[in-house]
């Protein structure tokens, strides 16, 4: 599963590859909880690296379930 996080006032985004066993619904709940509380969103990628993003700096979160249904061409 791939996740991209846009950060406020930054042109770049964070891109992480999460383990395939990651539950998308649980990930969404974790993001919503961190943003709602104003805490830090902590994620561990497929290589075991941990990344923390202050929830008040999250502009958007794009979750790609990695099920092979990537768009092709223009939408």
PDB file of N, CA and C in Angstrom:
ATOM      1  N   UNK A   1       0.851  -1.160   0.000  1.00  0.00           N
ATOM      2  CA  UNK A   1       0.000   0.000   0.000  1.00  0.00           C
ATOM      3  C   UNK A   1       0.899   1.226   0.000  1.00  0.00           C
ATOM      4  N   UNK A   2       0.582   2.171  -0.867  1.00  0.00           N
ATOM      5  CA  UNK A   2       1.332   3.419  -0.944  1.00  0.00           C
ATOM      6  C   UNK A   2       0.500   4.542  -0.350  1.00  0.00           C
ATOM      7  N   UNK A   3       1.167   5.464   0.308  1.00  0.00           N
ATOM      8  CA  UNK A   3       0.487   6.615   0.896  1.00  0.00           C
ATOM      9  C   UNK A   3       1.313   7.859   0.578  1.00  0.00           C
ATOM     10  N   UNK A   4       0.631   8.921   0.189  1.00  0.00           N
ATOM     11  CA  UNK A   4       1.273  10.211  -0.047  1.00  0.00           C
ATOM     12  C   UNK A   4       0.623  11.215   0.889  1.00  0.00           C
ATOM     13  N   UNK A   5       1.459  12.006   1.564  1.00  0.00           N
ATOM     14  CA  UNK A   5       0.970  13.005   2.512  1.00  0.00           C
ATOM     15  C   UNK A   5       1.473  14.367   2.070  1.00  0.00           C
ATOM     16  N   UNK A   6       0.530  15.260   1.814  1.00  0.00           N
ATOM     17  CA  UNK A   6       0.883  16.636   1.499  1.00  0.00           C
ATOM     18  C   UNK A   6       1.094  17.398   2.791  1.00  0.00           C
ATOM     19  N   UNK A   7       2.130  18.219   2.820  1.00  0.00           N
ATOM     20  CA  UNK A   7       2.462  18.982   4.014  1.00  0.00           C
ATOM     21  C   UNK A   7       2.231  20.467   3.723  1.00  0.00           C
ATOM     22  N   UNK A   8       1.582  21.155   4.662  1.00  0.00           N
ATOM     23  CA  UNK A   8       1.256  22.562   4.518  1.00  0.00           C
ATOM     24  C   UNK A   8       2.521  23.387   4.267  1.00  0.00           C
ATOM     25  N   UNK A   9       2.419  24.352   3.359  1.00  0.00           N
ATOM     26  CA  UNK A   9       3.502  25.287   3.026  1.00  0.00           C
ATOM     27  C   UNK A   9       4.742  24.610   2.466  1.00  0.00           C
ATOM     28  N   UNK A  10       4.575  23.441   1.853  1.00  0.00           N
ATOM     29  CA  UNK A  10       5.688  22.717   1.252  1.00  0.00           C
ATOM     30  C   UNK A  10       5.239  22.179  -0.099  1.00  0.00           C
ATOM     31  N   UNK A  11       6.065  22.372  -1.109  1.00  0.00           N
ATOM     32  CA  UNK A  11       5.710  21.883  -2.443  1.00  0.00           C
ATOM     33  C   UNK A  11       5.874  20.378  -2.557  1.00  0.00           C
ATOM     34  N   UNK A  12       6.727  19.805  -1.737  1.00  0.00           N
ATOM     35  CA  UNK A  12       6.956  18.363  -1.796  1.00  0.00           C
ATOM     36  C   UNK A  12       5.950  17.631  -0.926  1.00  0.00           C
ATOM     37  N   UNK A  13       5.813  16.343  -1.185  1.00  0.00           N
ATOM     38  CA  UNK A  13       4.951  15.503  -0.364  1.00  0.00           C
ATOM     39  C   UNK A  13       5.760  14.322   0.143  1.00  0.00           C
ATOM     40  N   UNK A  14       5.296  13.717   1.224  1.00  0.00           N
ATOM     41  CA  UNK A  14       5.928  12.516   1.753  1.00  0.00           C
ATOM     42  C   UNK A  14       5.303  11.322   1.054  1.00  0.00           C
ATOM     43  N   UNK A  15       6.127  10.413   0.575  1.00  0.00           N
ATOM     44  CA  UNK A  15       5.630   9.206  -0.076  1.00  0.00           C
ATOM     45  C   UNK A  15       6.195   8.007   0.662  1.00  0.00           C
ATOM     46  N   UNK A  16       5.306   7.133   1.114  1.00  0.00           N
ATOM     47  CA  UNK A  16       5.715   5.950   1.861  1.00  0.00           C
ATOM     48  C   UNK A  16       5.089   4.707   1.256  1.00  0.00           C
ATOM     49  N   UNK A  17       5.831   3.616   1.276  1.00  0.00           N
ATOM     50  CA  UNK A  17       5.288   2.320   0.893  1.00  0.00           C
ATOM     51  C   UNK A  17       5.079   1.549   2.189  1.00  0.00           C
ATOM     52  N   UNK A  18       3.819   1.294   2.515  1.00  0.00           N
ATOM     53  CA  UNK A  18       3.496   0.580   3.741  1.00  0.00           C
ATOM     54  C   UNK A  18       3.398  -0.914   3.457  1.00  0.00           C
ATOM     55  N   UNK A  19       3.563  -1.742   4.474  1.00  0.00           N
ATOM     56  CA  UNK A  19       3.462  -3.188   4.272  1.00  0.00           C
ATOM     57  C   UNK A  19       2.112  -3.566   3.660  1.00  0.00           C
ATOM     58  N   UNK A  20       2.115  -4.617   2.835  1.00  0.00           N
ATOM     59  CA  UNK A  20       0.885  -5.054   2.172  1.00  0.00           C
ATOM     60  C   UNK A  20      -0.213  -5.432   3.155  1.00  0.00           C
ATOM     61  N   UNK A  21       0.159  -5.821   4.355  1.00  0.00           N
ATOM     62  CA  UNK A  21      -0.827  -6.244   5.356  1.00  0.00           C
ATOM     63  C   UNK A  21      -1.517  -5.065   6.030  1.00  0.00           C
ATOM     64  N   UNK A  22      -1.154  -3.829   5.660  1.00  0.00           N
ATOM     65  CA  UNK A  22      -1.751  -2.652   6.276  1.00  0.00           C
ATOM     66  C   UNK A  22      -3.224  -2.568   5.930  1.00  0.00           C
ATOM     67  N   UNK A  23      -4.051  -2.353   6.945  1.00  0.00           N
ATOM     68  CA  UNK A  23      -5.491  -2.223   6.769  1.00  0.00           C
ATOM     69  C   UNK A  23      -5.827  -0.776   6.435  1.00  0.00           C
ATOM     70  N   UNK A  24      -6.416  -0.550   5.252  1.00  0.00           N
ATOM     71  CA  UNK A  24      -6.732   0.801   4.807  1.00  0.00           C
ATOM     72  C   UNK A  24      -7.691   1.524   5.732  1.00  0.00           C
ATOM     73  N   UNK A  25      -8.699   0.810   6.236  1.00  0.00           N
ATOM     74  CA  UNK A  25      -9.681   1.436   7.133  1.00  0.00           C
ATOM     75  C   UNK A  25      -9.012   1.849   8.446  1.00  0.00           C
ATOM     76  N   UNK A  26      -8.133   1.015   8.964  1.00  0.00           N
ATOM     77  CA  UNK A  26      -7.425   1.350  10.206  1.00  0.00           C
ATOM     78  C   UNK A  26      -6.486   2.532   9.980  1.00  0.00           C
ATOM     79  N   UNK A  27      -5.865   2.588   8.807  1.00  0.00           N
ATOM     80  CA  UNK A  27      -4.982   3.704   8.480  1.00  0.00           C
ATOM     81  C   UNK A  27      -5.773   5.011   8.430  1.00  0.00           C
ATOM     82  N   UNK A  28      -6.930   4.988   7.796  1.00  0.00           N
ATOM     83  CA  UNK A  28      -7.784   6.177   7.746  1.00  0.00           C
ATOM     84  C   UNK A  28      -8.184   6.615   9.148  1.00  0.00           C
ATOM     85  N   UNK A  29      -8.528   5.659   9.996  1.00  0.00           N
ATOM     86  CA  UNK A  29      -8.913   5.978  11.375  1.00  0.00           C
ATOM     87  C   UNK A  29      -7.751   6.606  12.136  1.00  0.00           C
ATOM     88  N   UNK A  30      -6.541   6.095  11.916  1.00  0.00           N
ATOM     89  CA  UNK A  30      -5.360   6.652  12.579  1.00  0.00           C
ATOM     90  C   UNK A  30      -5.115   8.100  12.138  1.00  0.00           C
ATOM     91  N   UNK A  31      -5.273   8.352  10.829  1.00  0.00           N
ATOM     92  CA  UNK A  31      -5.082   9.703  10.307  1.00  0.00           C
ATOM     93  C   UNK A  31      -6.127  10.648  10.894  1.00  0.00           C
ATOM     94  N   UNK A  32      -7.388  10.220  10.880  1.00  0.00           N
ATOM     95  CA  UNK A  32      -8.466  11.054  11.418  1.00  0.00           C
ATOM     96  C   UNK A  32      -8.267  11.340  12.901  1.00  0.00           C
ATOM     97  N   UNK A  33      -7.840  10.341  13.662  1.00  0.00           N
ATOM     98  CA  UNK A  33      -7.621  10.523  15.099  1.00  0.00           C
ATOM     99  C   UNK A  33      -6.485  11.523  15.347  1.00  0.00           C
ATOM    100  N   UNK A  34      -5.375  11.372  14.618  1.00  0.00           N
ATOM    101  CA  UNK A  34      -4.229  12.267  14.814  1.00  0.00           C
ATOM    102  C   UNK A  34      -4.587  13.701  14.446  1.00  0.00           C
ATOM    103  N   UNK A  35      -5.294  13.872  13.332  1.00  0.00           N
ATOM    104  CA  UNK A  35      -5.676  15.221  12.905  1.00  0.00           C
ATOM    105  C   UNK A  35      -6.680  15.818  13.886  1.00  0.00           C
ATOM    106  N   UNK A  36      -7.628  15.007  14.351  1.00  0.00           N
ATOM    107  CA  UNK A  36      -8.638  15.483  15.293  1.00  0.00           C
ATOM    108  C   UNK A  36      -8.053  15.903  16.630  1.00  0.00           C
ATOM    109  N   UNK A  37      -7.029  15.189  17.077  1.00  0.00           N
ATOM    110  CA  UNK A  37      -6.398  15.484  18.370  1.00  0.00           C
ATOM    111  C   UNK A  37      -5.307  16.544  18.247  1.00  0.00           C
ATOM    112  N   UNK A  38      -4.847  16.778  17.022  1.00  0.00           N
ATOM    113  CA  UNK A  38      -3.739  17.715  16.833  1.00  0.00           C
ATOM    114  C   UNK A  38      -2.423  17.132  17.296  1.00  0.00           C
ATOM    115  N   UNK A  39      -2.297  15.806  17.249  1.00  0.00           N
ATOM    116  CA  UNK A  39      -1.070  15.155  17.706  1.00  0.00           C
ATOM    117  C   UNK A  39      -0.154  14.866  16.514  1.00  0.00           C
ATOM    118  N   UNK A  40       0.709  13.904  16.638  1.00  0.00           N
ATOM    119  CA  UNK A  40       1.640  13.519  15.581  1.00  0.00           C
ATOM    120  C   UNK A  40       1.153  12.215  14.953  1.00  0.00           C
ATOM    121  N   UNK A  41       1.142  12.187  13.619  1.00  0.00           N
ATOM    122  CA  UNK A  41       0.788  10.974  12.884  1.00  0.00           C
ATOM    123  C   UNK A  41       2.071  10.191  12.655  1.00  0.00           C
ATOM    124  N   UNK A  42       2.153   8.999  13.250  1.00  0.00           N
ATOM    125  CA  UNK A  42       3.334   8.150  13.115  1.00  0.00           C
ATOM    126  C   UNK A  42       3.012   6.994  12.189  1.00  0.00           C
ATOM    127  N   UNK A  43       3.868   6.777  11.186  1.00  0.00           N
ATOM    128  CA  UNK A  43       3.713   5.678  10.240  1.00  0.00           C
ATOM    129  C   UNK A  43       5.031   4.946  10.108  1.00  0.00           C
ATOM    130  N   UNK A  44       4.963   3.626   9.959  1.00  0.00           N
ATOM    131  CA  UNK A  44       6.151   2.806   9.742  1.00  0.00           C
ATOM    132  C   UNK A  44       6.054   2.204   8.352  1.00  0.00           C
ATOM    133  N   UNK A  45       7.083   2.447   7.523  1.00  0.00           N
ATOM    134  CA  UNK A  45       7.030   1.979   6.144  1.00  0.00           C
ATOM    135  C   UNK A  45       7.432   0.517   6.027  1.00  0.00           C
ATOM    136  N   UNK A  46       7.440   0.007   4.792  1.00  0.00           N
ATOM    137  CA  UNK A  46       7.726  -1.405   4.534  1.00  0.00           C
ATOM    138  C   UNK A  46       9.156  -1.788   4.898  1.00  0.00           C
ATOM    139  N   UNK A  47      10.060  -0.814   4.985  1.00  0.00           N
ATOM    140  CA  UNK A  47      11.457  -1.094   5.346  1.00  0.00           C
ATOM    141  C   UNK A  47      11.711  -0.939   6.834  1.00  0.00           C
ATOM    142  N   UNK A  48      10.665  -0.607   7.602  1.00  0.00           N
ATOM    143  CA  UNK A  48      10.806  -0.477   9.043  1.00  0.00           C
ATOM    144  C   UNK A  48      11.144   0.917   9.531  1.00  0.00           C
ATOM    145  N   UNK A  49      11.242   1.883   8.617  1.00  0.00           N
ATOM    146  CA  UNK A  49      11.523   3.268   9.020  1.00  0.00           C
ATOM    147  C   UNK A  49      10.247   3.905   9.541  1.00  0.00           C
ATOM    148  N   UNK A  50      10.369   4.708  10.582  1.00  0.00           N
ATOM    149  CA  UNK A  50       9.224   5.383  11.176  1.00  0.00           C
ATOM    150  C   UNK A  50       9.294   6.872  10.857  1.00  0.00           C
ATOM    151  N   UNK A  51       8.154   7.412  10.406  1.00  0.00           N
ATOM    152  CA  UNK A  51       8.062   8.820  10.039  1.00  0.00           C
ATOM    153  C   UNK A  51       6.954   9.453  10.857  1.00  0.00           C
ATOM    154  N   UNK A  52       7.225  10.615  11.427  1.00  0.00           N
ATOM    155  CA  UNK A  52       6.220  11.352  12.185  1.00  0.00           C
ATOM    156  C   UNK A  52       5.891  12.659  11.493  1.00  0.00           C
ATOM    157  N   UNK A  53       4.601  12.949  11.370  1.00  0.00           N
ATOM    158  CA  UNK A  53       4.150  14.194  10.750  1.00  0.00           C
ATOM    159  C   UNK A  53       3.235  14.903  11.743  1.00  0.00           C
ATOM    160  N   UNK A  54       3.545  16.144  12.120  1.00  0.00           N
ATOM    161  CA  UNK A  54       2.634  16.881  12.995  1.00  0.00           C
ATOM    162  C   UNK A  54       1.278  17.009  12.299  1.00  0.00           C
ATOM    163  N   UNK A  55       0.227  16.598  12.966  1.00  0.00           N
ATOM    164  CA  UNK A  55      -1.101  16.540  12.355  1.00  0.00           C
ATOM    165  C   UNK A  55      -1.579  17.902  11.870  1.00  0.00           C
ATOM    166  N   UNK A  56      -1.158  18.983  12.518  1.00  0.00           N
ATOM    167  CA  UNK A  56      -1.612  20.299  12.080  1.00  0.00           C
ATOM    168  C   UNK A  56      -0.916  20.753  10.794  1.00  0.00           C
ATOM    169  N   UNK A  57       0.065  19.991  10.320  1.00  0.00           N
ATOM    170  CA  UNK A  57       0.772  20.309   9.078  1.00  0.00           C
ATOM    171  C   UNK A  57       0.303  19.443   7.909  1.00  0.00           C
ATOM    172  N   UNK A  58      -0.632  18.521   8.133  1.00  0.00           N
ATOM    173  CA  UNK A  58      -1.118  17.645   7.077  1.00  0.00           C
ATOM    174  C   UNK A  58      -2.106  18.411   6.200  1.00  0.00           C
ATOM    175  N   UNK A  59      -1.792  18.504   4.899  1.00  0.00           N
ATOM    176  CA  UNK A  59      -2.682  19.178   3.949  1.00  0.00           C
ATOM    177  C   UNK A  59      -3.649  18.166   3.340  1.00  0.00           C
ATOM    178  N   UNK A  60      -3.143  16.977   2.979  1.00  0.00           N
ATOM    179  CA  UNK A  60      -3.985  15.921   2.423  1.00  0.00           C
ATOM    180  C   UNK A  60      -3.288  14.582   2.591  1.00  0.00           C
ATOM    181  N   UNK A  61      -4.074  13.521   2.483  1.00  0.00           N
ATOM    182  CA  UNK A  61      -3.546  12.159   2.536  1.00  0.00           C
ATOM    183  C   UNK A  61      -4.145  11.396   1.370  1.00  0.00           C
ATOM    184  N   UNK A  62      -3.286  10.799   0.549  1.00  0.00           N
ATOM    185  CA  UNK A  62      -3.711  10.008  -0.600  1.00  0.00           C
ATOM    186  C   UNK A  62      -3.287   8.569  -0.345  1.00  0.00           C
ATOM    187  N   UNK A  63      -4.265   7.673  -0.252  1.00  0.00           N
ATOM    188  CA  UNK A  63      -3.985   6.268   0.038  1.00  0.00           C
ATOM    189  C   UNK A  63      -4.262   5.443  -1.208  1.00  0.00           C
ATOM    190  N   UNK A  64      -3.238   4.735  -1.698  1.00  0.00           N
ATOM    191  CA  UNK A  64      -3.372   3.824  -2.828  1.00  0.00           C
ATOM    192  C   UNK A  64      -3.310   2.408  -2.266  1.00  0.00           C
ATOM    193  N   UNK A  65      -4.410   1.664  -2.341  1.00  0.00           N
ATOM    194  CA  UNK A  65      -4.430   0.342  -1.735  1.00  0.00           C
ATOM    195  C   UNK A  65      -3.466  -0.649  -2.376  1.00  0.00           C
ATOM    196  N   UNK A  66      -2.944  -0.327  -3.559  1.00  0.00           N
ATOM    197  CA  UNK A  66      -1.985  -1.222  -4.191  1.00  0.00           C
ATOM    198  C   UNK A  66      -2.602  -2.489  -4.725  1.00  0.00           C
ATOM    199  N   UNK A  67      -3.872  -2.423  -5.096  1.00  0.00           N
ATOM    200  CA  UNK A  67      -4.555  -3.616  -5.591  1.00  0.00           C
ATOM    201  C   UNK A  67      -4.478  -3.759  -7.104  1.00  0.00           C
ATOM    202  N   UNK A  68      -3.592  -2.979  -7.734  1.00  0.00           N
ATOM    203  CA  UNK A  68      -3.403  -3.101  -9.172  1.00  0.00           C
ATOM    204  C   UNK A  68      -4.386  -2.297  -9.995  1.00  0.00           C
ATOM    205  N   UNK A  69      -5.172  -1.423  -9.383  1.00  0.00           N
ATOM    206  CA  UNK A  69      -6.160  -0.644 -10.114  1.00  0.00           C
ATOM    207  C   UNK A  69      -5.705   0.799 -10.290  1.00  0.00           C
ATOM    208  N   UNK A  70      -4.456   0.980 -10.635  1.00  0.00           N
ATOM    209  CA  UNK A  70      -3.931   2.335 -10.838  1.00  0.00           C
ATOM    210  C   UNK A  70      -4.542   2.920 -12.098  1.00  0.00           C
ATOM    211  N   UNK A  71      -4.881   4.220 -12.066  1.00  0.00           N
ATOM    212  CA  UNK A  71      -5.469   4.837 -13.254  1.00  0.00           C
ATOM    213  C   UNK A  71      -4.482   4.919 -14.399  1.00  0.00           C
ATOM    214  N   UNK A  72      -5.001   4.909 -15.607  1.00  0.00           N
ATOM    215  CA  UNK A  72      -4.175   5.016 -16.799  1.00  0.00           C
ATOM    216  C   UNK A  72      -4.734   6.142 -17.648  1.00  0.00           C
ATOM    217  N   UNK A  73      -3.870   7.030 -18.101  1.00  0.00           N
ATOM    218  CA  UNK A  73      -4.330   8.129 -18.946  1.00  0.00           C
ATOM    219  C   UNK A  73      -4.950   9.238 -18.135  1.00  0.00           C
ATOM    220  N   UNK A  74      -5.864   9.977 -18.767  1.00  0.00           N
ATOM    221  CA  UNK A  74      -6.503  11.106 -18.120  1.00  0.00           C
ATOM    222  C   UNK A  74      -7.827  10.688 -17.531  1.00  0.00           C
ATOM    223  N   UNK A  75      -8.147  11.248 -16.363  1.00  0.00           N
ATOM    224  CA  UNK A  75      -9.419  10.917 -15.709  1.00  0.00           C
ATOM    225  C   UNK A  75     -10.442  11.983 -15.975  1.00  0.00           C
TER     226      UNK A  75
END
